[in-house]
ModelCIF file with pLDDT and N, C-alpha, C, O atoms, coordinates in Angstrom:
data_MODEL
#
_entry.id   MODEL 
#
_entity.id                         1 
_entity.type                       polymer 
_entity.pdbx_number_of_molecules   1 
#
_entity_poly.entity_id                      1 
_entity_poly.type                           'polypeptide(L)' 
_entity_poly.nstd_linkage                   no 
_entity_poly.nstd_monomer                   no 
_entity_poly.pdbx_seq_one_letter_code       PRYGQPVEIRRVQRKHAPSLRAGQVAALTAI 
_entity_poly.pdbx_seq_one_letter_code_can   PRYGQPVEIRRVQRKHAPSLRAGQVAALTAI 
_entity_poly.pdbx_strand_id                 A 
#
loop_
_entity_poly_seq.entity_id 
_entity_poly_seq.num 
_entity_poly_seq.mon_id 
_entity_poly_seq.hetero 
1 1  PRO n 
1 2  ARG n 
1 3  TYR n 
1 4  GLY n 
1 5  GLN n 
1 6  PRO n 
1 7  VAL n 
1 8  GLU n 
1 9  ILE n 
1 10 ARG n 
1 11 ARG n 
1 12 VAL n 
1 13 GLN n 
1 14 ARG n 
1 15 LYS n 
1 16 HIS n 
1 17 ALA n 
1 18 PRO n 
1 19 SER n 
1 20 LEU n 
1 21 ARG n 
1 22 ALA n 
1 23 GLY n 
1 24 GLN n 
1 25 VAL n 
1 26 ALA n 
1 27 ALA n 
1 28 LEU n 
1 29 THR n 
1 30 ALA n 
1 31 ILE n 
#
_struct_asym.id          A 
_struct_asym.entity_id   1 
#
loop_
_ma_qa_metric.id 
_ma_qa_metric.mode 
_ma_qa_metric.name 
_ma_qa_metric.software_group_id 
_ma_qa_metric.type 
1 global pLDDT . pLDDT 
2 local  pLDDT . pLDDT 
#
_ma_qa_metric_global.metric_id      1 
_ma_qa_metric_global.metric_value   46.32 
_ma_qa_metric_global.model_id       1 
_ma_qa_metric_global.ordinal_id     1 
#
loop_
_ma_qa_metric_local.label_asym_id 
_ma_qa_metric_local.label_comp_id 
_ma_qa_metric_local.label_seq_id 
_ma_qa_metric_local.metric_id 
_ma_qa_metric_local.metric_value 
_ma_qa_metric_local.model_id 
_ma_qa_metric_local.ordinal_id 
A PRO 1  2 41.00 1 1  
A ARG 2  2 41.00 1 2  
A TYR 3  2 39.00 1 3  
A GLY 4  2 43.00 1 4  
A GLN 5  2 42.00 1 5  
A PRO 6  2 43.00 1 6  
A VAL 7  2 41.00 1 7  
A GLU 8  2 42.00 1 8  
A ILE 9  2 39.00 1 9  
A ARG 10 2 42.00 1 10 
A ARG 11 2 41.00 1 11 
A VAL 12 2 41.00 1 12 
A GLN 13 2 43.00 1 13 
A ARG 14 2 43.00 1 14 
A LYS 15 2 44.00 1 15 
A HIS 16 2 44.00 1 16 
A ALA 17 2 46.00 1 17 
A PRO 18 2 48.00 1 18 
A SER 19 2 48.00 1 19 
A LEU 20 2 45.00 1 20 
A ARG 21 2 55.00 1 21 
A ALA 22 2 51.00 1 22 
A GLY 23 2 50.00 1 23 
A GLN 24 2 52.00 1 24 
A VAL 25 2 56.00 1 25 
A ALA 26 2 51.00 1 26 
A ALA 27 2 50.00 1 27 
A LEU 28 2 58.00 1 28 
A THR 29 2 54.00 1 29 
A ALA 30 2 50.00 1 30 
A ILE 31 2 53.00 1 31 
#
loop_
_atom_site.group_PDB 
_atom_site.id 
_atom_site.type_symbol 
_atom_site.label_atom_id 
_atom_site.label_alt_id 
_atom_site.label_comp_id 
_atom_site.label_asym_id 
_atom_site.label_entity_id 
_atom_site.label_seq_id 
_atom_site.pdbx_PDB_ins_code 
_atom_site.Cartn_x 
_atom_site.Cartn_y 
_atom_site.Cartn_z 
_atom_site.occupancy 
_atom_site.B_iso_or_equiv 
_atom_site.pdbx_formal_charge 
_atom_site.auth_seq_id 
_atom_site.auth_comp_id 
_atom_site.auth_asym_id 
_atom_site.auth_atom_id 
_atom_site.pdbx_PDB_model_num 
ATOM 1   N N  . PRO A 1 1  ? -35.834 -159.287 7.072  1.00 41.00 ? 1  PRO A N  1 
ATOM 2   C CA . PRO A 1 1  ? -36.096 -160.287 6.035  1.00 41.00 ? 1  PRO A CA 1 
ATOM 3   C C  . PRO A 1 1  ? -34.794 -160.799 5.454  1.00 41.00 ? 1  PRO A C  1 
ATOM 4   O O  . PRO A 1 1  ? -33.758 -160.143 5.566  1.00 41.00 ? 1  PRO A O  1 
ATOM 5   N N  . ARG A 1 2  ? -34.840 -161.957 4.841  1.00 41.00 ? 2  ARG A N  1 
ATOM 6   C CA . ARG A 1 2  ? -33.665 -162.440 4.130  1.00 41.00 ? 2  ARG A CA 1 
ATOM 7   C C  . ARG A 1 2  ? -33.540 -161.696 2.820  1.00 41.00 ? 2  ARG A C  1 
ATOM 8   O O  . ARG A 1 2  ? -34.538 -161.339 2.193  1.00 41.00 ? 2  ARG A O  1 
ATOM 9   N N  . TYR A 1 3  ? -32.314 -161.468 2.415  1.00 39.00 ? 3  TYR A N  1 
ATOM 10  C CA . TYR A 1 3  ? -32.061 -160.685 1.213  1.00 39.00 ? 3  TYR A CA 1 
ATOM 11  C C  . TYR A 1 3  ? -32.753 -161.305 0.007  1.00 39.00 ? 3  TYR A C  1 
ATOM 12  O O  . TYR A 1 3  ? -32.632 -162.504 -0.244 1.00 39.00 ? 3  TYR A O  1 
ATOM 13  N N  . GLY A 1 4  ? -33.492 -160.458 -0.750 1.00 43.00 ? 4  GLY A N  1 
ATOM 14  C CA . GLY A 1 4  ? -34.106 -160.884 -1.988 1.00 43.00 ? 4  GLY A CA 1 
ATOM 15  C C  . GLY A 1 4  ? -35.418 -161.618 -1.828 1.00 43.00 ? 4  GLY A C  1 
ATOM 16  O O  . GLY A 1 4  ? -36.002 -162.052 -2.820 1.00 43.00 ? 4  GLY A O  1 
ATOM 17  N N  . GLN A 1 5  ? -35.903 -161.771 -0.587 1.00 42.00 ? 5  GLN A N  1 
ATOM 18  C CA . GLN A 1 5  ? -37.152 -162.472 -0.371 1.00 42.00 ? 5  GLN A CA 1 
ATOM 19  C C  . GLN A 1 5  ? -38.217 -161.509 0.114  1.00 42.00 ? 5  GLN A C  1 
ATOM 20  O O  . GLN A 1 5  ? -37.895 -160.507 0.751  1.00 42.00 ? 5  GLN A O  1 
ATOM 21  N N  . PRO A 1 6  ? -39.499 -161.795 -0.178 1.00 43.00 ? 6  PRO A N  1 
ATOM 22  C CA . PRO A 1 6  ? -40.570 -160.914 0.299  1.00 43.00 ? 6  PRO A CA 1 
ATOM 23  C C  . PRO A 1 6  ? -40.671 -160.940 1.808  1.00 43.00 ? 6  PRO A C  1 
ATOM 24  O O  . PRO A 1 6  ? -40.327 -161.935 2.447  1.00 43.00 ? 6  PRO A O  1 
ATOM 25  N N  . VAL A 1 7  ? -41.149 -159.835 2.379  1.00 41.00 ? 7  VAL A N  1 
ATOM 26  C CA . VAL A 1 7  ? -41.286 -159.721 3.819  1.00 41.00 ? 7  VAL A CA 1 
ATOM 27  C C  . VAL A 1 7  ? -42.597 -160.335 4.266  1.00 41.00 ? 7  VAL A C  1 
ATOM 28  O O  . VAL A 1 7  ? -43.651 -160.068 3.688  1.00 41.00 ? 7  VAL A O  1 
ATOM 29  N N  . GLU A 1 8  ? -42.524 -161.162 5.300  1.00 42.00 ? 8  GLU A N  1 
ATOM 30  C CA . GLU A 1 8  ? -43.741 -161.764 5.843  1.00 42.00 ? 8  GLU A CA 1 
ATOM 31  C C  . GLU A 1 8  ? -44.464 -160.739 6.692  1.00 42.00 ? 8  GLU A C  1 
ATOM 32  O O  . GLU A 1 8  ? -43.844 -160.038 7.491  1.00 42.00 ? 8  GLU A O  1 
ATOM 33  N N  . ILE A 1 9  ? -45.787 -160.648 6.519  1.00 39.00 ? 9  ILE A N  1 
ATOM 34  C CA . ILE A 1 9  ? -46.584 -159.748 7.334  1.00 39.00 ? 9  ILE A CA 1 
ATOM 35  C C  . ILE A 1 9  ? -47.548 -160.600 8.156  1.00 39.00 ? 9  ILE A C  1 
ATOM 36  O O  . ILE A 1 9  ? -48.285 -161.417 7.605  1.00 39.00 ? 9  ILE A O  1 
ATOM 37  N N  . ARG A 1 10 ? -47.540 -160.408 9.454  1.00 42.00 ? 10 ARG A N  1 
ATOM 38  C CA . ARG A 1 10 ? -48.319 -161.253 10.348 1.00 42.00 ? 10 ARG A CA 1 
ATOM 39  C C  . ARG A 1 10 ? -49.199 -160.407 11.239 1.00 42.00 ? 10 ARG A C  1 
ATOM 40  O O  . ARG A 1 10 ? -48.792 -159.328 11.668 1.00 42.00 ? 10 ARG A O  1 
ATOM 41  N N  . ARG A 1 11 ? -50.425 -160.891 11.530 1.00 41.00 ? 11 ARG A N  1 
ATOM 42  C CA . ARG A 1 11 ? -51.319 -160.155 12.408 1.00 41.00 ? 11 ARG A CA 1 
ATOM 43  C C  . ARG A 1 11 ? -51.026 -160.538 13.854 1.00 41.00 ? 11 ARG A C  1 
ATOM 44  O O  . ARG A 1 11 ? -50.943 -161.717 14.200 1.00 41.00 ? 11 ARG A O  1 
ATOM 45  N N  . VAL A 1 12 ? -50.873 -159.513 14.690 1.00 41.00 ? 12 VAL A N  1 
ATOM 46  C CA . VAL A 1 12 ? -50.586 -159.724 16.102 1.00 41.00 ? 12 VAL A CA 1 
ATOM 47  C C  . VAL A 1 12 ? -51.687 -159.077 16.909 1.00 41.00 ? 12 VAL A C  1 
ATOM 48  O O  . VAL A 1 12 ? -51.912 -157.874 16.783 1.00 41.00 ? 12 VAL A O  1 
ATOM 49  N N  . GLN A 1 13 ? -52.384 -159.841 17.738 1.00 43.00 ? 13 GLN A N  1 
ATOM 50  C CA . GLN A 1 13 ? -53.466 -159.293 18.528 1.00 43.00 ? 13 GLN A CA 1 
ATOM 51  C C  . GLN A 1 13 ? -52.909 -158.368 19.602 1.00 43.00 ? 13 GLN A C  1 
ATOM 52  O O  . GLN A 1 13 ? -51.894 -158.667 20.231 1.00 43.00 ? 13 GLN A O  1 
ATOM 53  N N  . ARG A 1 14 ? -53.584 -157.247 19.801 1.00 43.00 ? 14 ARG A N  1 
ATOM 54  C CA . ARG A 1 14 ? -53.162 -156.295 20.811 1.00 43.00 ? 14 ARG A CA 1 
ATOM 55  C C  . ARG A 1 14 ? -54.351 -155.885 21.646 1.00 43.00 ? 14 ARG A C  1 
ATOM 56  O O  . ARG A 1 14 ? -55.489 -155.928 21.177 1.00 43.00 ? 14 ARG A O  1 
ATOM 57  N N  . LYS A 1 15 ? -54.101 -155.490 22.878 1.00 44.00 ? 15 LYS A N  1 
ATOM 58  C CA . LYS A 1 15 ? -55.166 -155.051 23.751 1.00 44.00 ? 15 LYS A CA 1 
ATOM 59  C C  . LYS A 1 15 ? -55.724 -153.704 23.317 1.00 44.00 ? 15 LYS A C  1 
ATOM 60  O O  . LYS A 1 15 ? -56.914 -153.431 23.481 1.00 44.00 ? 15 LYS A O  1 
ATOM 61  N N  . HIS A 1 16 ? -54.862 -152.871 22.766 1.00 44.00 ? 16 HIS A N  1 
ATOM 62  C CA . HIS A 1 16 ? -55.297 -151.544 22.354 1.00 44.00 ? 16 HIS A CA 1 
ATOM 63  C C  . HIS A 1 16 ? -54.819 -151.306 20.932 1.00 44.00 ? 16 HIS A C  1 
ATOM 64  O O  . HIS A 1 16 ? -53.616 -151.216 20.686 1.00 44.00 ? 16 HIS A O  1 
ATOM 65  N N  . ALA A 1 17 ? -55.756 -151.203 19.989 1.00 46.00 ? 17 ALA A N  1 
ATOM 66  C CA . ALA A 1 17 ? -55.380 -150.927 18.599 1.00 46.00 ? 17 ALA A CA 1 
ATOM 67  C C  . ALA A 1 17 ? -54.924 -149.498 18.494 1.00 46.00 ? 17 ALA A C  1 
ATOM 68  O O  . ALA A 1 17 ? -55.620 -148.608 18.983 1.00 46.00 ? 17 ALA A O  1 
ATOM 69  N N  . PRO A 1 18 ? -53.766 -149.223 17.868 1.00 48.00 ? 18 PRO A N  1 
ATOM 70  C CA . PRO A 1 18 ? -53.257 -147.849 17.793 1.00 48.00 ? 18 PRO A CA 1 
ATOM 71  C C  . PRO A 1 18 ? -54.143 -146.928 16.982 1.00 48.00 ? 18 PRO A C  1 
ATOM 72  O O  . PRO A 1 18 ? -54.389 -145.797 17.400 1.00 48.00 ? 18 PRO A O  1 
ATOM 73  N N  . SER A 1 19 ? -54.637 -147.383 15.818 1.00 48.00 ? 19 SER A N  1 
ATOM 74  C CA . SER A 1 19 ? -55.518 -146.578 14.984 1.00 48.00 ? 19 SER A CA 1 
ATOM 75  C C  . SER A 1 19 ? -55.827 -147.358 13.724 1.00 48.00 ? 19 SER A C  1 
ATOM 76  O O  . SER A 1 19 ? -55.275 -148.436 13.502 1.00 48.00 ? 19 SER A O  1 
ATOM 77  N N  . LEU A 1 20 ? -56.721 -146.808 12.886 1.00 45.00 ? 20 LEU A N  1 
ATOM 78  C CA . LEU A 1 20 ? -57.036 -147.460 11.622 1.00 45.00 ? 20 LEU A CA 1 
ATOM 79  C C  . LEU A 1 20 ? -55.855 -147.425 10.661 1.00 45.00 ? 20 LEU A C  1 
ATOM 80  O O  . LEU A 1 20 ? -55.836 -148.134 9.655  1.00 45.00 ? 20 LEU A O  1 
ATOM 81  N N  . ARG A 1 21 ? -54.855 -146.576 10.989 1.00 55.00 ? 21 ARG A N  1 
ATOM 82  C CA . ARG A 1 21 ? -53.683 -146.460 10.110 1.00 55.00 ? 21 ARG A CA 1 
ATOM 83  C C  . ARG A 1 21 ? -52.632 -147.489 10.437 1.00 55.00 ? 21 ARG A C  1 
ATOM 84  O O  . ARG A 1 21 ? -51.577 -147.497 9.803  1.00 55.00 ? 21 ARG A O  1 
ATOM 85  N N  . ALA A 1 22 ? -52.874 -148.366 11.405 1.00 51.00 ? 22 ALA A N  1 
ATOM 86  C CA . ALA A 1 22 ? -51.861 -149.330 11.816 1.00 51.00 ? 22 ALA A CA 1 
ATOM 87  C C  . ALA A 1 22 ? -51.425 -150.220 10.670 1.00 51.00 ? 22 ALA A C  1 
ATOM 88  O O  . ALA A 1 22 ? -50.244 -150.546 10.544 1.00 51.00 ? 22 ALA A O  1 
ATOM 89  N N  . GLY A 1 23 ? -52.399 -150.624 9.811  1.00 50.00 ? 23 GLY A N  1 
ATOM 90  C CA . GLY A 1 23 ? -52.038 -151.471 8.678  1.00 50.00 ? 23 GLY A CA 1 
ATOM 91  C C  . GLY A 1 23 ? -51.093 -150.773 7.732  1.00 50.00 ? 23 GLY A C  1 
ATOM 92  O O  . GLY A 1 23 ? -50.139 -151.371 7.234  1.00 50.00 ? 23 GLY A O  1 
ATOM 93  N N  . GLN A 1 24 ? -51.365 -149.485 7.481  1.00 52.00 ? 24 GLN A N  1 
ATOM 94  C CA . GLN A 1 24 ? -50.493 -148.720 6.590  1.00 52.00 ? 24 GLN A CA 1 
ATOM 95  C C  . GLN A 1 24 ? -49.106 -148.572 7.201  1.00 52.00 ? 24 GLN A C  1 
ATOM 96  O O  . GLN A 1 24 ? -48.098 -148.665 6.500  1.00 52.00 ? 24 GLN A O  1 
ATOM 97  N N  . VAL A 1 25 ? -49.058 -148.343 8.503  1.00 56.00 ? 25 VAL A N  1 
ATOM 98  C CA . VAL A 1 25 ? -47.772 -148.182 9.177  1.00 56.00 ? 25 VAL A CA 1 
ATOM 99  C C  . VAL A 1 25 ? -46.967 -149.471 9.103  1.00 56.00 ? 25 VAL A C  1 
ATOM 100 O O  . VAL A 1 25 ? -45.757 -149.440 8.876  1.00 56.00 ? 25 VAL A O  1 
ATOM 101 N N  . ALA A 1 26 ? -47.640 -150.611 9.294  1.00 51.00 ? 26 ALA A N  1 
ATOM 102 C CA . ALA A 1 26 ? -46.946 -151.892 9.238  1.00 51.00 ? 26 ALA A CA 1 
ATOM 103 C C  . ALA A 1 26 ? -46.382 -152.153 7.856  1.00 51.00 ? 26 ALA A C  1 
ATOM 104 O O  . ALA A 1 26 ? -45.255 -152.629 7.719  1.00 51.00 ? 26 ALA A O  1 
ATOM 105 N N  . ALA A 1 27 ? -47.173 -151.840 6.818  1.00 50.00 ? 27 ALA A N  1 
ATOM 106 C CA . ALA A 1 27 ? -46.683 -152.017 5.455  1.00 50.00 ? 27 ALA A CA 1 
ATOM 107 C C  . ALA A 1 27 ? -45.500 -151.107 5.189  1.00 50.00 ? 27 ALA A C  1 
ATOM 108 O O  . ALA A 1 27 ? -44.547 -151.498 4.514  1.00 50.00 ? 27 ALA A O  1 
ATOM 109 N N  . LEU A 1 28 ? -45.560 -149.886 5.721  1.00 58.00 ? 28 LEU A N  1 
ATOM 110 C CA . LEU A 1 28 ? -44.462 -148.947 5.569  1.00 58.00 ? 28 LEU A CA 1 
ATOM 111 C C  . LEU A 1 28 ? -43.207 -149.493 6.244  1.00 58.00 ? 28 LEU A C  1 
ATOM 112 O O  . LEU A 1 28 ? -42.101 -149.336 5.727  1.00 58.00 ? 28 LEU A O  1 
ATOM 113 N N  . THR A 1 29 ? -43.379 -150.132 7.393  1.00 54.00 ? 29 THR A N  1 
ATOM 114 C CA . THR A 1 29 ? -42.251 -150.742 8.092  1.00 54.00 ? 29 THR A CA 1 
ATOM 115 C C  . THR A 1 29 ? -41.618 -151.819 7.230  1.00 54.00 ? 29 THR A C  1 
ATOM 116 O O  . THR A 1 29 ? -40.393 -151.914 7.147  1.00 54.00 ? 29 THR A O  1 
ATOM 117 N N  . ALA A 1 30 ? -42.456 -152.639 6.584  1.00 50.00 ? 30 ALA A N  1 
ATOM 118 C CA . ALA A 1 30 ? -41.943 -153.703 5.729  1.00 50.00 ? 30 ALA A CA 1 
ATOM 119 C C  . ALA A 1 30 ? -41.166 -153.148 4.548  1.00 50.00 ? 30 ALA A C  1 
ATOM 120 O O  . ALA A 1 30 ? -40.087 -153.638 4.213  1.00 50.00 ? 30 ALA A O  1 
ATOM 121 N N  . ILE A 1 31 ? -41.725 -152.115 3.917  1.00 53.00 ? 31 ILE A N  1 
ATOM 122 C CA . ILE A 1 31 ? -41.056 -151.503 2.767  1.00 53.00 ? 31 ILE A CA 1 
ATOM 123 C C  . ILE A 1 31 ? -39.712 -150.930 3.165  1.00 53.00 ? 31 ILE A C  1 
ATOM 124 O O  . ILE A 1 31 ? -39.005 -150.374 2.325  1.00 53.00 ? 31 ILE A O  1 
#
């Protein structure tokens, strides 16, 4: 992300969903 700006979160379609925790993991990545 650019310094001082919020991180964009985007949905990406996948053939195999990793788990129901994927959303939490993605948010953790952003943080």
